Amino acid sequence: MKKTWIIAAILTFAFQGLSAGELPAPIQAKFIRILASSAGSAGKVYCTNAGLAKELDKVGVTADTGSKVAWASTEGEVKSFKAAGKLVICPKQEWLPVGGAIAIVEEGGKPQIYLHIGHITDSGLTISDSVLRIGKKL
């Protein structure tokens, strides 16, 4: 219940007034931390993007190539991480059909989470019910 409240508070209050486009790296890092934790990957995410890896480190997440959860910065990474059996979190909803499991995007000035249930299942990881309730399913 506490995680649900935290996620809801972040979505509702913290990000009002964001402009269209990709979310800033510090905000992405916070969402990635919550989502990775929700999937049982406490404190580790595979991330090749140096800038985002730095932001992840600031929120207590280590960039670890062995993690079952990965952040994809490109469509190519989405495909390769999916092929490696990882739960792929990405910044574009359009990448969900090609292998992304979770997309964190900006909509109407607020962050929104999209879920591709098939790719989540394919990863072998289970996402918490609180994330499943707030995410939009494709």
C-alpha atoms as a PDB file:
ATOM      1  CA  MET A   1       0.000   0.000   0.000  1.00  0.00           C
ATOM      2  CA  LYS A   2       2.863   2.359   0.806  1.00  0.00           C
ATOM      3  CA  LYS A   3       4.403   1.875  -2.668  1.00  0.00           C
ATOM      4  CA  THR A   4       1.040   2.637  -4.288  1.00  0.00           C
ATOM      5  CA  TRP A   5       0.782   5.883  -2.338  1.00  0.00           C
ATOM      6  CA  ILE A   6       4.355   6.876  -3.231  1.00  0.00           C
ATOM      7  CA  ILE A   7       3.835   6.189  -6.939  1.00  0.00           C
ATOM      8  CA  ALA A   8       0.492   8.003  -6.929  1.00  0.00           C
ATOM      9  CA  ALA A   9       2.002  10.998  -5.143  1.00  0.00           C
ATOM     10  CA  ILE A  10       4.838  11.195  -7.654  1.00  0.00           C
ATOM     11  CA  LEU A  11       2.444  11.027 -10.575  1.00  0.00           C
ATOM     12  CA  THR A  12      -0.031  13.490  -9.142  1.00  0.00           C
ATOM     13  CA  PHE A  13       2.015  16.223  -7.524  1.00  0.00           C
ATOM     14  CA  ALA A  14       5.689  16.210  -8.351  1.00  0.00           C
ATOM     15  CA  PHE A  15       5.594  16.632 -12.089  1.00  0.00           C
ATOM     16  CA  GLN A  16       2.883  19.137 -12.883  1.00  0.00           C
ATOM     17  CA  GLY A  17       3.958  21.551 -15.563  1.00  0.00           C
ATOM     18  CA  LEU A  18       6.366  19.297 -17.445  1.00  0.00           C
ATOM     19  CA  SER A  19       6.619  20.121 -21.108  1.00  0.00           C
ATOM     20  CA  ALA A  20       6.115  17.551 -23.847  1.00  0.00           C
ATOM     21  CA  GLY A  21       8.982  15.196 -24.603  1.00  0.00           C
ATOM     22  CA  GLU A  22      11.121  12.762 -22.743  1.00  0.00           C
ATOM     23  CA  LEU A  23      11.216  13.039 -18.987  1.00  0.00           C
ATOM     24  CA  PRO A  24      14.388  14.503 -17.481  1.00  0.00           C
ATOM     25  CA  ALA A  25      16.976  11.926 -16.384  1.00  0.00           C
ATOM     26  CA  PRO A  26      16.532  12.551 -12.610  1.00  0.00           C
ATOM     27  CA  ILE A  27      12.803  11.828 -12.927  1.00  0.00           C
ATOM     28  CA  GLN A  28      13.403   8.781 -15.115  1.00  0.00           C
ATOM     29  CA  ALA A  29      15.864   7.460 -12.535  1.00  0.00           C
ATOM     30  CA  LYS A  30      13.302   7.699  -9.739  1.00  0.00           C
ATOM     31  CA  PHE A  31      10.695   5.827 -11.763  1.00  0.00           C
ATOM     32  CA  ILE A  32      13.217   3.205 -12.861  1.00  0.00           C
ATOM     33  CA  ARG A  33      14.174   2.628  -9.212  1.00  0.00           C
ATOM     34  CA  ILE A  34      10.535   2.087  -8.245  1.00  0.00           C
ATOM     35  CA  LEU A  35       9.819  -0.168 -11.222  1.00  0.00           C
ATOM     36  CA  ALA A  36      12.983  -2.257 -10.781  1.00  0.00           C
ATOM     37  CA  SER A  37      12.218  -2.675  -7.097  1.00  0.00           C
ATOM     38  CA  SER A  38       8.665  -3.671  -8.000  1.00  0.00           C
ATOM     39  CA  ALA A  39      10.115  -6.420 -10.226  1.00  0.00           C
ATOM     40  CA  GLY A  40      12.401  -7.710  -7.467  1.00  0.00           C
ATOM     41  CA  SER A  41      15.612  -6.165  -8.807  1.00  0.00           C
ATOM     42  CA  ALA A  42      16.555  -4.280  -5.691  1.00  0.00           C
ATOM     43  CA  GLY A  43      19.130  -1.671  -6.490  1.00  0.00           C
ATOM     44  CA  LYS A  44      20.350  -2.980  -9.874  1.00  0.00           C
ATOM     45  CA  VAL A  45      19.473  -2.101 -13.468  1.00  0.00           C
ATOM     46  CA  TYR A  46      21.396  -2.720 -16.683  1.00  0.00           C
ATOM     47  CA  CYS A  47      21.925   0.752 -18.172  1.00  0.00           C
ATOM     48  CA  THR A  48      24.431   1.728 -20.869  1.00  0.00           C
ATOM     49  CA  ASN A  49      23.495   5.427 -20.894  1.00  0.00           C
ATOM     50  CA  ALA A  50      26.225   7.161 -18.848  1.00  0.00           C
ATOM     51  CA  GLY A  51      24.091  10.178 -17.925  1.00  0.00           C
ATOM     52  CA  LEU A  52      21.185   8.088 -16.719  1.00  0.00           C
ATOM     53  CA  ALA A  53      23.529   5.652 -14.937  1.00  0.00           C
ATOM     54  CA  LYS A  54      24.844   8.649 -12.968  1.00  0.00           C
ATOM     55  CA  GLU A  55      21.279   9.647 -12.012  1.00  0.00           C
ATOM     56  CA  LEU A  56      20.459   6.042 -11.069  1.00  0.00           C
ATOM     57  CA  ASP A  57      23.488   6.007  -8.788  1.00  0.00           C
ATOM     58  CA  LYS A  58      22.180   9.150  -7.063  1.00  0.00           C
ATOM     59  CA  VAL A  59      18.921   7.335  -6.197  1.00  0.00           C
ATOM     60  CA  GLY A  60      20.703   4.200  -4.988  1.00  0.00           C
ATOM     61  CA  VAL A  61      20.583   2.045  -8.126  1.00  0.00           C
ATOM     62  CA  THR A  62      23.718   0.400  -9.521  1.00  0.00           C
ATOM     63  CA  ALA A  63      24.213  -0.019 -13.263  1.00  0.00           C
ATOM     64  CA  ASP A  64      24.794  -3.787 -13.429  1.00  0.00           C
ATOM     65  CA  THR A  65      25.087  -5.782 -16.671  1.00  0.00           C
ATOM     66  CA  GLY A  66      23.872  -8.884 -14.838  1.00  0.00           C
ATOM     67  CA  SER A  67      20.560  -7.346 -13.804  1.00  0.00           C
ATOM     68  CA  LYS A  68      17.372  -8.922 -15.132  1.00  0.00           C
ATOM     69  CA  VAL A  69      15.926  -5.369 -15.504  1.00  0.00           C
ATOM     70  CA  ALA A  70      17.328  -3.063 -18.194  1.00  0.00           C
ATOM     71  CA  TRP A  71      16.844   0.555 -19.273  1.00  0.00           C
ATOM     72  CA  ALA A  72      16.906   0.910 -23.056  1.00  0.00           C
ATOM     73  CA  SER A  73      17.936   4.263 -24.507  1.00  0.00           C
ATOM     74  CA  THR A  74      17.522   3.178 -28.128  1.00  0.00           C
ATOM     75  CA  GLU A  75      15.211   0.910 -30.100  1.00  0.00           C
ATOM     76  CA  GLY A  76      18.223  -1.312 -30.816  1.00  0.00           C
ATOM     77  CA  GLU A  77      18.820  -1.750 -27.095  1.00  0.00           C
ATOM     78  CA  VAL A  78      15.147  -2.632 -26.616  1.00  0.00           C
ATOM     79  CA  LYS A  79      15.507  -5.468 -29.123  1.00  0.00           C
ATOM     80  CA  SER A  80      18.806  -6.771 -27.773  1.00  0.00           C
ATOM     81  CA  PHE A  81      17.745  -6.600 -24.106  1.00  0.00           C
ATOM     82  CA  LYS A  82      14.467  -8.351 -24.955  1.00  0.00           C
ATOM     83  CA  ALA A  83      16.415 -11.074 -26.803  1.00  0.00           C
ATOM     84  CA  ALA A  84      18.552 -11.491 -23.665  1.00  0.00           C
ATOM     85  CA  GLY A  85      15.395 -12.123 -21.607  1.00  0.00           C
ATOM     86  CA  LYS A  86      15.488  -8.883 -19.633  1.00  0.00           C
ATOM     87  CA  LEU A  87      12.534  -6.816 -18.462  1.00  0.00           C
ATOM     88  CA  VAL A  88      13.001  -3.738 -20.644  1.00  0.00           C
ATOM     89  CA  ILE A  89      12.047  -0.278 -19.379  1.00  0.00           C
ATOM     90  CA  CYS A  90      12.162   2.454 -22.024  1.00  0.00           C
ATOM     91  CA  PRO A  91      11.257   6.123 -22.615  1.00  0.00           C
ATOM     92  CA  LYS A  92       8.993   5.622 -25.648  1.00  0.00           C
ATOM     93  CA  GLN A  93       5.619   3.922 -25.891  1.00  0.00           C
ATOM     94  CA  GLU A  94       6.384   3.150 -29.558  1.00  0.00           C
ATOM     95  CA  TRP A  95       9.115   0.740 -28.446  1.00  0.00           C
ATOM     96  CA  LEU A  96       6.750  -1.541 -26.533  1.00  0.00           C
ATOM     97  CA  PRO A  97       5.762  -3.660 -29.578  1.00  0.00           C
ATOM     98  CA  VAL A  98       9.425  -4.351 -30.432  1.00  0.00           C
ATOM     99  CA  GLY A  99      10.344  -5.643 -26.969  1.00  0.00           C
ATOM    100  CA  GLY A 100       9.771  -3.004 -24.332  1.00  0.00           C
ATOM    101  CA  ALA A 101       7.907  -4.170 -21.243  1.00  0.00           C
ATOM    102  CA  ILE A 102       7.376  -0.813 -19.524  1.00  0.00           C
ATOM    103  CA  ALA A 103       7.457   2.682 -21.011  1.00  0.00           C
ATOM    104  CA  ILE A 104       7.783   5.809 -18.875  1.00  0.00           C
ATOM    105  CA  VAL A 105       6.521   8.723 -20.942  1.00  0.00           C
ATOM    106  CA  GLU A 106       5.296  12.272 -20.514  1.00  0.00           C
ATOM    107  CA  GLU A 107       1.651  12.907 -21.334  1.00  0.00           C
ATOM    108  CA  GLY A 108      -0.131  16.172 -20.761  1.00  0.00           C
ATOM    109  CA  GLY A 109       2.664  17.450 -18.552  1.00  0.00           C
ATOM    110  CA  LYS A 110       2.687  14.355 -16.309  1.00  0.00           C
ATOM    111  CA  PRO A 111       4.527  11.045 -16.311  1.00  0.00           C
ATOM    112  CA  GLN A 112       2.567   8.009 -17.463  1.00  0.00           C
ATOM    113  CA  ILE A 113       3.492   4.336 -17.286  1.00  0.00           C
ATOM    114  CA  TYR A 114       2.547   1.950 -20.098  1.00  0.00           C
ATOM    115  CA  LEU A 115       2.787  -1.806 -19.692  1.00  0.00           C
ATOM    116  CA  HIS A 116       3.159  -4.545 -22.293  1.00  0.00           C
ATOM    117  CA  ILE A 117       1.945  -7.510 -20.260  1.00  0.00           C
ATOM    118  CA  GLY A 118       3.232 -10.075 -22.775  1.00  0.00           C
ATOM    119  CA  HIS A 119       6.789  -8.748 -22.584  1.00  0.00           C
ATOM    120  CA  ILE A 120       6.615  -8.492 -18.806  1.00  0.00           C
ATOM    121  CA  THR A 121       5.600 -12.168 -18.715  1.00  0.00           C
ATOM    122  CA  ASP A 122       8.347 -13.091 -21.207  1.00  0.00           C
ATOM    123  CA  SER A 123      10.985 -11.618 -18.868  1.00  0.00           C
ATOM    124  CA  GLY A 124      10.070 -14.119 -16.159  1.00  0.00           C
ATOM    125  CA  LEU A 125       9.700 -11.333 -13.606  1.00  0.00           C
ATOM    126  CA  THR A 126       6.577 -10.366 -11.727  1.00  0.00           C
ATOM    127  CA  ILE A 127       5.543  -6.733 -11.362  1.00  0.00           C
ATOM    128  CA  SER A 128       3.831  -5.595  -8.160  1.00  0.00           C
ATOM    129  CA  ASP A 129       0.074  -5.144  -8.160  1.00  0.00           C
ATOM    130  CA  SER A 130       0.484  -1.433  -7.367  1.00  0.00           C
ATOM    131  CA  VAL A 131       2.341  -0.864 -10.660  1.00  0.00           C
ATOM    132  CA  LEU A 132      -0.163  -3.007 -12.564  1.00  0.00           C
ATOM    133  CA  ARG A 133      -3.010  -0.875 -11.172  1.00  0.00           C
ATOM    134  CA  ILE A 134      -1.548   2.491 -12.183  1.00  0.00           C
ATOM    135  CA  GLY A 135      -0.009   1.508 -15.526  1.00  0.00           C
ATOM    136  CA  LYS A 136      -1.939   1.590 -18.769  1.00  0.00           C
ATOM    137  CA  LYS A 137      -1.924  -1.845 -20.369  1.00  0.00           C
ATOM    138  CA  LEU A 138      -1.420  -2.416 -24.084  1.00  0.00           C
END
